[in-house]
Amino acid sequence: MIGRIAGRVDYRAEDHVLIDVRGVGYLVYCNDRTLQALPAVGEHTALYTDLLVREDNLQLFGFTSLVEKEWHRLLMSVQGVGAKASMAILGTLGPDGAGRAIALGDWNSVKAAKGIGPKTAQRVVNELKDKAPQVMAMGASPAPVVDLGGDEVIEATVPAAPVAGSGAQAEALSALSNLGYAPGEAAGAVAQAAGDAPEAETPALIRAALKLLAPKG
C-alpha cells in the first residue's frame, strides 16, 4: 500500500496530476481543492494517498492531510458513494466543512457537491454523523519516512491519532481549534456544552459545541 508520495509535479490535468518520484511517474487523482493547493509543474509536492483496487484498474487518490484521507475512506463506506462522489464532496466542502455538515446533520451542504442527490446526502449524514466527531478530533500524525536512498519519496501509512488532551473537553477544544474557531469562542462553546451535559464524551461535546457556534437565524 502506498500511503504517501513525494516528488516533482510532472503535469496537471483536470482531475489528476502526474508526480515524478525519482523517475517513476505516479498518476494521482485529486479533488478540486487539492489541485488548487498543489504547486506549479516542475515543483516539489507531497500527498497522502489511498489506493483503490479494482479487478481491471488501480487508482491512487491524493489528499493534503491524513484527516482528509480518512474522510475519503469513510465517505466511500456509505452505500452509493464511490470514489468520484467522495472526491466531489471533499472538493466542495473540504474535510473541515464535510465534518461540520455531517456532525450537524446538514445534508443540504453535502447535496451541494456535484452529482450528489438528496437521498445520497441524507444517507451520508445518517451513516456518518456518529463517526464525524471522532474524525474531527483527529490530528495528522507525521508518517515515518522510508528512505530509498536520497530524497524522501515514499512514506508508510499511519492512522491519524486522537489529539492530546486531558479528557473530553480538551479533545473537543482541540477539534474546534483545528476547524479554525478562535480559542475564546471554542472554549466558551465547549464549556457551555459540558455544563449542559457533564458526562458527555468527546463526540457528543463536539456536536453540541458546533450547534452552539452555528450562525443563528
N, C-alpha and C. Protein backbone atom coordinates (compact mmCIF):
# COMPACT_ATOMS: atom_id res chain seq x y z
N MET A 1 0.84 -1.20 0.00
CA MET A 1 0.00 0.00 0.00
C MET A 1 0.88 1.25 0.00
N ILE A 2 0.64 2.14 -0.94
CA ILE A 2 1.35 3.41 -0.99
C ILE A 2 0.55 4.42 -0.19
N GLY A 3 1.07 4.86 0.94
CA GLY A 3 0.33 5.77 1.82
C GLY A 3 0.65 7.22 1.61
N ARG A 4 1.80 7.51 1.00
CA ARG A 4 2.18 8.90 0.76
C ARG A 4 3.28 8.92 -0.29
N ILE A 5 3.23 9.88 -1.17
CA ILE A 5 4.30 10.03 -2.14
C ILE A 5 4.77 11.48 -2.16
N ALA A 6 6.02 11.66 -2.51
CA ALA A 6 6.60 12.99 -2.61
C ALA A 6 7.51 13.03 -3.83
N GLY A 7 7.36 14.05 -4.63
CA GLY A 7 8.17 14.16 -5.83
C GLY A 7 7.85 15.42 -6.60
N ARG A 8 8.25 15.45 -7.86
CA ARG A 8 8.06 16.62 -8.71
C ARG A 8 6.76 16.51 -9.51
N VAL A 9 6.01 17.59 -9.57
CA VAL A 9 4.79 17.62 -10.39
C VAL A 9 5.21 17.63 -11.85
N ASP A 10 4.89 16.56 -12.56
CA ASP A 10 5.30 16.44 -13.96
C ASP A 10 4.28 17.09 -14.89
N TYR A 11 2.99 16.85 -14.63
CA TYR A 11 1.95 17.58 -15.35
C TYR A 11 0.66 17.55 -14.54
N ARG A 12 -0.23 18.48 -14.89
CA ARG A 12 -1.51 18.59 -14.20
C ARG A 12 -2.62 18.46 -15.23
N ALA A 13 -3.69 17.77 -14.86
CA ALA A 13 -4.87 17.64 -15.71
C ALA A 13 -6.10 18.12 -14.93
N GLU A 14 -7.28 17.91 -15.48
CA GLU A 14 -8.49 18.41 -14.85
C GLU A 14 -8.78 17.74 -13.52
N ASP A 15 -8.48 16.44 -13.41
CA ASP A 15 -8.80 15.73 -12.18
C ASP A 15 -7.64 14.91 -11.61
N HIS A 16 -6.43 15.09 -12.15
CA HIS A 16 -5.30 14.34 -11.64
C HIS A 16 -3.98 15.04 -11.95
N VAL A 17 -2.95 14.57 -11.29
CA VAL A 17 -1.59 15.05 -11.56
C VAL A 17 -0.69 13.83 -11.74
N LEU A 18 0.42 14.04 -12.40
CA LEU A 18 1.45 13.02 -12.50
C LEU A 18 2.63 13.50 -11.67
N ILE A 19 3.00 12.70 -10.67
CA ILE A 19 4.11 13.07 -9.80
C ILE A 19 5.29 12.15 -10.09
N ASP A 20 6.39 12.75 -10.44
CA ASP A 20 7.60 12.00 -10.76
C ASP A 20 8.37 11.75 -9.48
N VAL A 21 8.47 10.48 -9.11
CA VAL A 21 9.21 10.08 -7.91
C VAL A 21 10.46 9.34 -8.36
N ARG A 22 11.53 10.07 -8.49
CA ARG A 22 12.83 9.51 -8.89
C ARG A 22 12.71 8.67 -10.16
N GLY A 23 12.05 9.25 -11.15
CA GLY A 23 11.95 8.59 -12.44
C GLY A 23 10.73 7.74 -12.65
N VAL A 24 9.95 7.51 -11.62
CA VAL A 24 8.71 6.74 -11.74
C VAL A 24 7.54 7.70 -11.61
N GLY A 25 6.64 7.70 -12.60
CA GLY A 25 5.51 8.62 -12.58
C GLY A 25 4.28 7.99 -11.95
N TYR A 26 3.76 8.64 -10.93
CA TYR A 26 2.54 8.18 -10.25
C TYR A 26 1.38 9.10 -10.65
N LEU A 27 0.35 8.51 -11.24
CA LEU A 27 -0.84 9.28 -11.60
C LEU A 27 -1.76 9.29 -10.38
N VAL A 28 -2.03 10.49 -9.87
CA VAL A 28 -2.80 10.63 -8.63
C VAL A 28 -4.03 11.49 -8.89
N TYR A 29 -5.21 10.92 -8.61
CA TYR A 29 -6.45 11.67 -8.77
C TYR A 29 -6.69 12.53 -7.54
N CYS A 30 -7.11 13.76 -7.76
CA CYS A 30 -7.29 14.72 -6.67
C CYS A 30 -8.61 15.48 -6.84
N ASN A 31 -9.17 15.95 -5.73
CA ASN A 31 -10.35 16.80 -5.82
C ASN A 31 -9.94 18.23 -6.16
N ASP A 32 -10.92 19.07 -6.42
CA ASP A 32 -10.64 20.44 -6.88
C ASP A 32 -9.80 21.23 -5.89
N ARG A 33 -10.12 21.11 -4.60
CA ARG A 33 -9.38 21.86 -3.59
C ARG A 33 -7.91 21.45 -3.54
N THR A 34 -7.69 20.16 -3.62
CA THR A 34 -6.31 19.66 -3.59
C THR A 34 -5.53 20.13 -4.81
N LEU A 35 -6.17 20.06 -5.97
CA LEU A 35 -5.50 20.52 -7.20
C LEU A 35 -5.12 21.99 -7.10
N GLN A 36 -6.01 22.80 -6.53
CA GLN A 36 -5.72 24.22 -6.39
C GLN A 36 -4.57 24.49 -5.43
N ALA A 37 -4.41 23.58 -4.45
CA ALA A 37 -3.36 23.77 -3.45
C ALA A 37 -1.99 23.29 -3.92
N LEU A 38 -1.96 22.51 -5.00
CA LEU A 38 -0.69 21.96 -5.46
C LEU A 38 0.16 23.03 -6.14
N PRO A 39 1.47 22.89 -6.07
CA PRO A 39 2.36 23.86 -6.72
C PRO A 39 2.37 23.68 -8.24
N ALA A 40 3.10 24.53 -8.89
CA ALA A 40 3.15 24.52 -10.36
C ALA A 40 3.95 23.32 -10.87
N VAL A 41 3.78 23.04 -12.14
CA VAL A 41 4.54 21.96 -12.79
C VAL A 41 6.03 22.23 -12.61
N GLY A 42 6.74 21.18 -12.26
CA GLY A 42 8.18 21.30 -12.06
C GLY A 42 8.58 21.48 -10.60
N GLU A 43 7.61 21.78 -9.76
CA GLU A 43 7.91 21.99 -8.34
C GLU A 43 7.64 20.72 -7.54
N HIS A 44 8.19 20.68 -6.35
CA HIS A 44 8.08 19.50 -5.49
C HIS A 44 6.80 19.55 -4.67
N THR A 45 6.18 18.40 -4.45
CA THR A 45 4.98 18.34 -3.62
C THR A 45 4.92 16.98 -2.93
N ALA A 46 3.98 16.84 -2.00
CA ALA A 46 3.77 15.57 -1.31
C ALA A 46 2.28 15.42 -1.04
N LEU A 47 1.78 14.21 -1.19
CA LEU A 47 0.37 13.92 -0.96
C LEU A 47 0.22 12.60 -0.22
N TYR A 48 -0.73 12.56 0.73
CA TYR A 48 -1.16 11.29 1.29
C TYR A 48 -2.04 10.61 0.25
N THR A 49 -1.95 9.32 0.15
CA THR A 49 -2.67 8.63 -0.92
C THR A 49 -3.46 7.44 -0.41
N ASP A 50 -4.51 7.12 -1.16
CA ASP A 50 -5.31 5.93 -0.90
C ASP A 50 -5.42 5.17 -2.22
N LEU A 51 -5.12 3.89 -2.18
CA LEU A 51 -5.11 3.07 -3.39
C LEU A 51 -6.43 2.32 -3.52
N LEU A 52 -7.14 2.57 -4.62
CA LEU A 52 -8.38 1.86 -4.91
C LEU A 52 -8.07 0.71 -5.85
N VAL A 53 -8.35 -0.51 -5.42
CA VAL A 53 -8.02 -1.70 -6.20
C VAL A 53 -9.30 -2.27 -6.81
N ARG A 54 -9.32 -2.36 -8.12
CA ARG A 54 -10.42 -2.98 -8.84
C ARG A 54 -9.87 -4.10 -9.70
N GLU A 55 -10.76 -4.93 -10.20
CA GLU A 55 -10.31 -6.07 -11.00
C GLU A 55 -9.51 -5.63 -12.21
N ASP A 56 -9.92 -4.53 -12.83
CA ASP A 56 -9.30 -4.11 -14.08
C ASP A 56 -8.55 -2.79 -13.97
N ASN A 57 -8.36 -2.29 -12.74
CA ASN A 57 -7.76 -0.97 -12.63
C ASN A 57 -7.24 -0.73 -11.22
N LEU A 58 -6.17 0.05 -11.12
CA LEU A 58 -5.64 0.54 -9.85
C LEU A 58 -5.60 2.05 -9.93
N GLN A 59 -6.16 2.72 -8.93
CA GLN A 59 -6.19 4.18 -8.93
C GLN A 59 -5.69 4.72 -7.60
N LEU A 60 -4.82 5.72 -7.68
CA LEU A 60 -4.33 6.42 -6.50
C LEU A 60 -5.10 7.73 -6.35
N PHE A 61 -5.57 8.00 -5.13
CA PHE A 61 -6.24 9.27 -4.84
C PHE A 61 -5.39 10.03 -3.82
N GLY A 62 -5.21 11.31 -4.07
CA GLY A 62 -4.30 12.10 -3.25
C GLY A 62 -5.00 13.11 -2.37
N PHE A 63 -4.42 13.35 -1.18
CA PHE A 63 -5.01 14.25 -0.19
C PHE A 63 -3.92 15.05 0.50
N THR A 64 -4.27 16.24 0.96
CA THR A 64 -3.29 17.10 1.60
C THR A 64 -3.06 16.76 3.06
N SER A 65 -3.95 15.98 3.66
CA SER A 65 -3.79 15.62 5.07
C SER A 65 -4.34 14.23 5.32
N LEU A 66 -3.94 13.63 6.44
CA LEU A 66 -4.45 12.32 6.82
C LEU A 66 -5.93 12.39 7.20
N VAL A 67 -6.35 13.53 7.74
CA VAL A 67 -7.77 13.68 8.10
C VAL A 67 -8.63 13.65 6.84
N GLU A 68 -8.18 14.34 5.79
CA GLU A 68 -8.93 14.33 4.54
C GLU A 68 -8.97 12.92 3.95
N LYS A 69 -7.87 12.21 4.04
CA LYS A 69 -7.82 10.84 3.55
C LYS A 69 -8.80 9.96 4.33
N GLU A 70 -8.88 10.16 5.64
CA GLU A 70 -9.81 9.38 6.46
C GLU A 70 -11.25 9.67 6.07
N TRP A 71 -11.56 10.92 5.78
CA TRP A 71 -12.91 11.25 5.32
C TRP A 71 -13.23 10.55 4.01
N HIS A 72 -12.26 10.51 3.12
CA HIS A 72 -12.48 9.83 1.85
C HIS A 72 -12.84 8.36 2.08
N ARG A 73 -12.12 7.71 2.96
CA ARG A 73 -12.37 6.30 3.23
C ARG A 73 -13.74 6.11 3.89
N LEU A 74 -14.11 7.01 4.79
CA LEU A 74 -15.41 6.91 5.45
C LEU A 74 -16.55 7.17 4.47
N LEU A 75 -16.39 8.18 3.64
CA LEU A 75 -17.43 8.51 2.67
C LEU A 75 -17.68 7.33 1.73
N MET A 76 -16.60 6.67 1.33
CA MET A 76 -16.77 5.54 0.41
C MET A 76 -17.38 4.32 1.09
N SER A 77 -17.45 4.34 2.42
CA SER A 77 -18.09 3.23 3.12
C SER A 77 -19.62 3.35 3.09
N VAL A 78 -20.11 4.50 2.65
CA VAL A 78 -21.56 4.73 2.57
C VAL A 78 -22.08 4.14 1.27
N GLN A 79 -23.17 3.43 1.34
CA GLN A 79 -23.75 2.82 0.14
C GLN A 79 -24.09 3.89 -0.89
N GLY A 80 -23.65 3.66 -2.11
CA GLY A 80 -23.94 4.60 -3.19
C GLY A 80 -22.91 5.69 -3.35
N VAL A 81 -21.91 5.72 -2.48
CA VAL A 81 -20.86 6.75 -2.57
C VAL A 81 -19.56 6.07 -3.00
N GLY A 82 -19.16 6.32 -4.22
CA GLY A 82 -17.90 5.81 -4.73
C GLY A 82 -16.81 6.86 -4.64
N ALA A 83 -15.69 6.56 -5.25
CA ALA A 83 -14.55 7.48 -5.19
C ALA A 83 -14.88 8.83 -5.81
N LYS A 84 -15.59 8.82 -6.93
CA LYS A 84 -15.93 10.06 -7.61
C LYS A 84 -16.81 10.94 -6.74
N ALA A 85 -17.81 10.34 -6.10
CA ALA A 85 -18.71 11.11 -5.24
C ALA A 85 -17.99 11.63 -4.01
N SER A 86 -17.13 10.80 -3.43
CA SER A 86 -16.36 11.23 -2.26
C SER A 86 -15.48 12.42 -2.61
N MET A 87 -14.81 12.36 -3.74
CA MET A 87 -13.94 13.46 -4.15
C MET A 87 -14.75 14.72 -4.42
N ALA A 88 -15.97 14.55 -4.94
CA ALA A 88 -16.82 15.72 -5.19
C ALA A 88 -17.21 16.39 -3.87
N ILE A 89 -17.56 15.59 -2.87
CA ILE A 89 -17.94 16.14 -1.57
C ILE A 89 -16.76 16.86 -0.92
N LEU A 90 -15.60 16.23 -0.93
CA LEU A 90 -14.42 16.85 -0.33
C LEU A 90 -13.95 18.06 -1.13
N GLY A 91 -14.13 18.01 -2.45
CA GLY A 91 -13.75 19.15 -3.26
C GLY A 91 -14.64 20.35 -3.02
N THR A 92 -15.90 20.10 -2.69
CA THR A 92 -16.85 21.18 -2.44
C THR A 92 -16.74 21.72 -1.02
N LEU A 93 -16.65 20.83 -0.05
CA LEU A 93 -16.71 21.23 1.35
C LEU A 93 -15.35 21.24 2.05
N GLY A 94 -14.40 20.46 1.55
CA GLY A 94 -13.16 20.28 2.29
C GLY A 94 -13.40 19.37 3.47
N PRO A 95 -12.34 18.83 4.08
CA PRO A 95 -12.53 17.92 5.21
C PRO A 95 -13.20 18.57 6.41
N ASP A 96 -12.85 19.83 6.70
CA ASP A 96 -13.46 20.51 7.84
C ASP A 96 -14.94 20.78 7.58
N GLY A 97 -15.25 21.25 6.37
CA GLY A 97 -16.64 21.54 6.05
C GLY A 97 -17.49 20.29 6.01
N ALA A 98 -16.91 19.20 5.51
CA ALA A 98 -17.65 17.94 5.47
C ALA A 98 -17.94 17.46 6.89
N GLY A 99 -16.95 17.54 7.76
CA GLY A 99 -17.15 17.12 9.14
C GLY A 99 -18.20 17.95 9.84
N ARG A 100 -18.15 19.26 9.62
CA ARG A 100 -19.12 20.15 10.27
C ARG A 100 -20.53 19.86 9.78
N ALA A 101 -20.68 19.71 8.46
CA ALA A 101 -22.01 19.46 7.89
C ALA A 101 -22.58 18.13 8.37
N ILE A 102 -21.76 17.10 8.40
CA ILE A 102 -22.24 15.78 8.81
C ILE A 102 -22.57 15.77 10.30
N ALA A 103 -21.71 16.38 11.11
CA ALA A 103 -21.95 16.41 12.56
C ALA A 103 -23.24 17.16 12.90
N LEU A 104 -23.55 18.19 12.11
CA LEU A 104 -24.75 18.99 12.37
C LEU A 104 -25.97 18.47 11.63
N GLY A 105 -25.81 17.40 10.85
CA GLY A 105 -26.94 16.87 10.10
C GLY A 105 -27.35 17.74 8.93
N ASP A 106 -26.43 18.56 8.43
CA ASP A 106 -26.72 19.50 7.35
C ASP A 106 -26.54 18.81 6.00
N TRP A 107 -27.52 17.99 5.60
CA TRP A 107 -27.37 17.25 4.36
C TRP A 107 -27.48 18.14 3.13
N ASN A 108 -28.08 19.32 3.28
CA ASN A 108 -28.15 20.25 2.15
C ASN A 108 -26.77 20.71 1.70
N SER A 109 -25.85 20.87 2.65
CA SER A 109 -24.48 21.24 2.28
C SER A 109 -23.80 20.11 1.54
N VAL A 110 -24.04 18.88 1.98
CA VAL A 110 -23.48 17.72 1.29
C VAL A 110 -24.05 17.61 -0.12
N LYS A 111 -25.34 17.92 -0.25
CA LYS A 111 -26.02 17.84 -1.55
C LYS A 111 -25.47 18.87 -2.55
N ALA A 112 -24.79 19.88 -2.04
CA ALA A 112 -24.24 20.90 -2.94
C ALA A 112 -23.11 20.37 -3.81
N ALA A 113 -22.54 19.23 -3.42
CA ALA A 113 -21.46 18.63 -4.23
C ALA A 113 -22.02 18.10 -5.55
N LYS A 114 -21.25 18.22 -6.59
CA LYS A 114 -21.68 17.80 -7.93
C LYS A 114 -21.99 16.31 -7.95
N GLY A 115 -23.17 15.97 -8.46
CA GLY A 115 -23.55 14.57 -8.61
C GLY A 115 -24.14 13.94 -7.37
N ILE A 116 -24.28 14.70 -6.29
CA ILE A 116 -24.83 14.16 -5.04
C ILE A 116 -26.30 14.57 -4.91
N GLY A 117 -27.19 13.59 -4.94
CA GLY A 117 -28.61 13.86 -4.80
C GLY A 117 -29.03 13.90 -3.34
N PRO A 118 -30.27 14.32 -3.08
CA PRO A 118 -30.74 14.43 -1.70
C PRO A 118 -30.73 13.12 -0.93
N LYS A 119 -31.09 12.02 -1.58
CA LYS A 119 -31.11 10.74 -0.87
C LYS A 119 -29.70 10.32 -0.46
N THR A 120 -28.76 10.50 -1.36
CA THR A 120 -27.38 10.15 -1.04
C THR A 120 -26.84 11.05 0.06
N ALA A 121 -27.15 12.34 -0.02
CA ALA A 121 -26.67 13.28 1.00
C ALA A 121 -27.23 12.92 2.38
N GLN A 122 -28.50 12.58 2.42
CA GLN A 122 -29.11 12.19 3.69
C GLN A 122 -28.49 10.90 4.22
N ARG A 123 -28.19 9.97 3.32
CA ARG A 123 -27.59 8.71 3.74
C ARG A 123 -26.19 8.96 4.32
N VAL A 124 -25.43 9.86 3.69
CA VAL A 124 -24.09 10.20 4.20
C VAL A 124 -24.19 10.73 5.62
N VAL A 125 -25.11 11.67 5.84
CA VAL A 125 -25.27 12.27 7.17
C VAL A 125 -25.71 11.23 8.19
N ASN A 126 -26.70 10.43 7.82
CA ASN A 126 -27.25 9.46 8.76
C ASN A 126 -26.23 8.39 9.15
N GLU A 127 -25.43 7.95 8.18
CA GLU A 127 -24.50 6.86 8.46
C GLU A 127 -23.20 7.33 9.11
N LEU A 128 -22.85 8.59 8.92
CA LEU A 128 -21.55 9.05 9.41
C LEU A 128 -21.63 10.05 10.57
N LYS A 129 -22.82 10.47 10.95
CA LYS A 129 -22.93 11.52 11.97
C LYS A 129 -22.29 11.12 13.29
N ASP A 130 -22.34 9.84 13.63
CA ASP A 130 -21.73 9.40 14.89
C ASP A 130 -20.22 9.24 14.77
N LYS A 131 -19.73 9.13 13.54
CA LYS A 131 -18.29 8.98 13.33
C LYS A 131 -17.60 10.32 13.10
N ALA A 132 -18.36 11.33 12.69
CA ALA A 132 -17.77 12.62 12.35
C ALA A 132 -16.95 13.23 13.47
N PRO A 133 -17.48 13.30 14.70
CA PRO A 133 -16.69 13.93 15.76
C PRO A 133 -15.35 13.26 16.02
N GLN A 134 -15.30 11.93 15.92
CA GLN A 134 -14.03 11.24 16.13
C GLN A 134 -13.01 11.65 15.09
N VAL A 135 -13.44 11.76 13.83
CA VAL A 135 -12.52 12.16 12.77
C VAL A 135 -12.09 13.60 12.97
N MET A 136 -13.03 14.45 13.36
CA MET A 136 -12.72 15.86 13.57
C MET A 136 -11.75 16.04 14.73
N ALA A 137 -11.75 15.11 15.67
CA ALA A 137 -10.85 15.19 16.82
C ALA A 137 -9.49 14.59 16.54
N MET A 138 -9.30 14.12 15.32
CA MET A 138 -8.01 13.52 14.97
C MET A 138 -7.01 14.60 14.58
N GLY A 139 -5.77 14.25 14.77
CA GLY A 139 -4.69 15.11 14.29
C GLY A 139 -3.90 14.35 13.25
N ALA A 140 -3.25 15.04 12.37
CA ALA A 140 -2.45 14.38 11.33
C ALA A 140 -1.07 14.08 11.86
N SER A 141 -0.83 12.84 12.27
CA SER A 141 0.47 12.43 12.77
C SER A 141 1.42 12.21 11.60
N PRO A 142 2.66 12.71 11.68
CA PRO A 142 3.59 12.51 10.58
C PRO A 142 3.83 11.04 10.32
N ALA A 143 3.92 10.68 9.05
CA ALA A 143 4.19 9.29 8.69
C ALA A 143 5.69 9.05 8.68
N PRO A 144 6.14 7.86 9.09
CA PRO A 144 7.57 7.58 9.11
C PRO A 144 8.14 7.51 7.70
N VAL A 145 9.33 8.06 7.54
CA VAL A 145 9.97 8.13 6.23
C VAL A 145 10.57 6.78 5.85
N VAL A 146 10.33 6.36 4.63
CA VAL A 146 11.00 5.18 4.09
C VAL A 146 12.12 5.70 3.20
N ASP A 147 13.33 5.55 3.63
CA ASP A 147 14.48 6.10 2.92
C ASP A 147 14.84 5.19 1.76
N LEU A 148 14.68 5.73 0.56
CA LEU A 148 15.02 4.95 -0.64
C LEU A 148 16.37 5.36 -1.21
N GLY A 149 17.15 6.01 -0.35
CA GLY A 149 18.49 6.35 -0.81
C GLY A 149 18.55 7.70 -1.44
N GLY A 150 18.24 8.72 -0.70
CA GLY A 150 18.29 10.07 -1.26
C GLY A 150 17.11 10.87 -0.79
N ASP A 151 16.25 11.22 -1.73
CA ASP A 151 15.08 12.01 -1.38
C ASP A 151 14.10 11.18 -0.57
N GLU A 152 13.31 11.86 0.23
CA GLU A 152 12.24 11.19 0.96
C GLU A 152 11.07 11.05 0.00
N VAL A 153 10.89 9.87 -0.53
CA VAL A 153 9.95 9.74 -1.63
C VAL A 153 8.67 9.02 -1.27
N ILE A 154 8.71 8.04 -0.39
CA ILE A 154 7.50 7.30 -0.05
C ILE A 154 7.47 7.08 1.45
N GLU A 155 6.32 7.26 2.05
CA GLU A 155 6.19 7.05 3.48
C GLU A 155 5.05 6.08 3.74
N ALA A 156 5.12 5.36 4.83
CA ALA A 156 4.09 4.39 5.18
C ALA A 156 2.87 5.10 5.72
N THR A 157 1.74 4.44 5.61
CA THR A 157 0.50 4.99 6.14
C THR A 157 0.47 4.85 7.65
N VAL A 158 0.13 5.94 8.33
CA VAL A 158 -0.04 5.91 9.78
C VAL A 158 -1.42 6.46 10.09
N PRO A 159 -2.27 5.72 10.78
CA PRO A 159 -3.59 6.22 11.11
C PRO A 159 -3.50 7.48 11.94
N ALA A 160 -4.41 8.41 11.69
CA ALA A 160 -4.44 9.63 12.47
C ALA A 160 -4.75 9.29 13.91
N ALA A 161 -4.08 9.97 14.82
CA ALA A 161 -4.25 9.67 16.24
C ALA A 161 -5.08 10.75 16.90
N PRO A 162 -5.78 10.43 17.96
CA PRO A 162 -6.54 11.44 18.67
C PRO A 162 -5.61 12.51 19.21
N VAL A 163 -6.06 13.74 19.19
CA VAL A 163 -5.25 14.82 19.70
C VAL A 163 -5.06 14.63 21.18
N ALA A 164 -3.92 15.19 21.65
CA ALA A 164 -3.62 15.05 23.06
C ALA A 164 -4.55 15.93 23.87
N GLY A 165 -4.88 15.48 25.03
CA GLY A 165 -5.73 16.30 25.88
C GLY A 165 -6.13 15.53 27.11
N SER A 166 -6.48 16.24 28.16
CA SER A 166 -6.88 15.57 29.39
C SER A 166 -8.39 15.57 29.45
N GLY A 167 -9.01 14.58 28.84
CA GLY A 167 -10.45 14.46 28.93
C GLY A 167 -11.17 14.94 27.69
N ALA A 168 -12.48 14.72 27.71
CA ALA A 168 -13.32 15.03 26.56
C ALA A 168 -13.31 16.51 26.21
N GLN A 169 -13.30 17.37 27.22
CA GLN A 169 -13.34 18.81 26.94
C GLN A 169 -12.09 19.27 26.19
N ALA A 170 -10.92 18.77 26.61
CA ALA A 170 -9.68 19.14 25.94
C ALA A 170 -9.67 18.65 24.50
N GLU A 171 -10.17 17.43 24.28
CA GLU A 171 -10.20 16.89 22.92
C GLU A 171 -11.18 17.65 22.06
N ALA A 172 -12.33 18.00 22.62
CA ALA A 172 -13.31 18.78 21.87
C ALA A 172 -12.77 20.15 21.53
N LEU A 173 -12.08 20.77 22.48
CA LEU A 173 -11.49 22.09 22.24
C LEU A 173 -10.45 22.04 21.13
N SER A 174 -9.62 20.99 21.14
CA SER A 174 -8.61 20.83 20.09
C SER A 174 -9.27 20.64 18.73
N ALA A 175 -10.35 19.85 18.69
CA ALA A 175 -11.04 19.62 17.43
C ALA A 175 -11.60 20.91 16.87
N LEU A 176 -12.20 21.74 17.72
CA LEU A 176 -12.77 23.01 17.26
C LEU A 176 -11.66 23.97 16.82
N SER A 177 -10.54 23.94 17.51
CA SER A 177 -9.41 24.77 17.11
C SER A 177 -8.89 24.35 15.74
N ASN A 178 -8.86 23.04 15.49
CA ASN A 178 -8.42 22.54 14.18
C ASN A 178 -9.37 22.98 13.07
N LEU A 179 -10.63 23.23 13.43
CA LEU A 179 -11.61 23.69 12.45
C LEU A 179 -11.53 25.19 12.20
N GLY A 180 -10.68 25.88 12.95
CA GLY A 180 -10.48 27.29 12.71
C GLY A 180 -11.20 28.24 13.66
N TYR A 181 -11.88 27.70 14.65
CA TYR A 181 -12.56 28.57 15.61
C TYR A 181 -11.54 29.22 16.53
N ALA A 182 -11.79 30.46 16.91
CA ALA A 182 -10.91 31.18 17.82
C ALA A 182 -10.92 30.49 19.18
N PRO A 183 -9.79 30.51 19.88
CA PRO A 183 -9.72 29.83 21.18
C PRO A 183 -10.81 30.26 22.15
N GLY A 184 -11.10 31.55 22.17
CA GLY A 184 -12.09 32.05 23.11
C GLY A 184 -13.49 31.51 22.84
N GLU A 185 -13.93 31.59 21.57
CA GLU A 185 -15.28 31.13 21.26
C GLU A 185 -15.38 29.61 21.36
N ALA A 186 -14.29 28.91 20.99
CA ALA A 186 -14.30 27.45 21.10
C ALA A 186 -14.39 27.04 22.56
N ALA A 187 -13.60 27.67 23.41
CA ALA A 187 -13.61 27.32 24.83
C ALA A 187 -14.97 27.61 25.45
N GLY A 188 -15.58 28.72 25.06
CA GLY A 188 -16.89 29.06 25.60
C GLY A 188 -17.95 28.05 25.21
N ALA A 189 -17.92 27.63 23.94
CA ALA A 189 -18.91 26.67 23.46
C ALA A 189 -18.72 25.31 24.13
N VAL A 190 -17.46 24.88 24.26
CA VAL A 190 -17.19 23.59 24.90
C VAL A 190 -17.61 23.63 26.37
N ALA A 191 -17.31 24.74 27.02
CA ALA A 191 -17.67 24.85 28.44
C ALA A 191 -19.19 24.81 28.62
N GLN A 192 -19.90 25.52 27.75
CA GLN A 192 -21.36 25.51 27.85
C GLN A 192 -21.91 24.11 27.57
N ALA A 193 -21.36 23.47 26.53
CA ALA A 193 -21.82 22.11 26.20
C ALA A 193 -21.54 21.14 27.34
N ALA A 194 -20.37 21.27 27.95
CA ALA A 194 -20.02 20.39 29.06
C ALA A 194 -20.89 20.67 30.28
N GLY A 195 -21.24 21.95 30.46
CA GLY A 195 -22.12 22.28 31.57
C GLY A 195 -23.52 21.71 31.41
N ASP A 196 -23.98 21.66 30.16
CA ASP A 196 -25.30 21.10 29.88
C ASP A 196 -25.31 19.58 30.00
N ALA A 197 -24.16 18.97 29.70
CA ALA A 197 -24.08 17.50 29.74
C ALA A 197 -22.73 17.10 30.32
N PRO A 198 -22.58 17.13 31.64
CA PRO A 198 -21.28 16.89 32.28
C PRO A 198 -20.66 15.53 31.96
N GLU A 199 -21.49 14.55 31.68
CA GLU A 199 -20.97 13.20 31.42
C GLU A 199 -20.73 12.93 29.94
N ALA A 200 -20.93 13.92 29.09
CA ALA A 200 -20.80 13.72 27.65
C ALA A 200 -19.36 13.38 27.26
N GLU A 201 -19.24 12.47 26.30
CA GLU A 201 -17.92 12.13 25.78
C GLU A 201 -17.57 13.07 24.63
N THR A 202 -16.36 12.92 24.11
CA THR A 202 -15.84 13.86 23.10
C THR A 202 -16.77 14.06 21.90
N PRO A 203 -17.26 12.99 21.24
CA PRO A 203 -18.12 13.20 20.08
C PRO A 203 -19.37 14.03 20.39
N ALA A 204 -20.01 13.75 21.52
CA ALA A 204 -21.21 14.48 21.88
C ALA A 204 -20.89 15.94 22.20
N LEU A 205 -19.76 16.19 22.85
CA LEU A 205 -19.36 17.57 23.14
C LEU A 205 -19.10 18.36 21.87
N ILE A 206 -18.45 17.73 20.90
CA ILE A 206 -18.15 18.42 19.63
C ILE A 206 -19.44 18.77 18.92
N ARG A 207 -20.38 17.83 18.86
CA ARG A 207 -21.66 18.11 18.20
C ARG A 207 -22.39 19.25 18.89
N ALA A 208 -22.43 19.20 20.22
CA ALA A 208 -23.14 20.23 20.97
C ALA A 208 -22.47 21.59 20.79
N ALA A 209 -21.14 21.63 20.84
CA ALA A 209 -20.42 22.89 20.68
C ALA A 209 -20.61 23.47 19.29
N LEU A 210 -20.60 22.60 18.27
CA LEU A 210 -20.82 23.07 16.90
C LEU A 210 -22.20 23.70 16.74
N LYS A 211 -23.20 23.11 17.37
CA LYS A 211 -24.54 23.68 17.31
C LYS A 211 -24.58 25.05 17.98
N LEU A 212 -23.85 25.20 19.07
CA LEU A 212 -23.81 26.49 19.75
C LEU A 212 -23.08 27.55 18.92
N LEU A 213 -22.09 27.10 18.14
CA LEU A 213 -21.29 28.03 17.33
C LEU A 213 -21.91 28.30 15.97
N ALA A 214 -22.91 27.50 15.58
CA ALA A 214 -23.54 27.68 14.26
C ALA A 214 -24.22 29.04 14.20
N PRO A 215 -24.16 29.71 13.03
CA PRO A 215 -24.83 31.02 12.88
C PRO A 215 -26.30 30.92 13.20
N LYS A 216 -26.78 31.86 13.93
CA LYS A 216 -28.20 31.87 14.31
C LYS A 216 -29.03 32.53 13.22
N GLY A 217 -30.24 32.04 13.06
CA GLY A 217 -31.13 32.62 12.05
C GLY A 217 -30.90 32.03 10.72
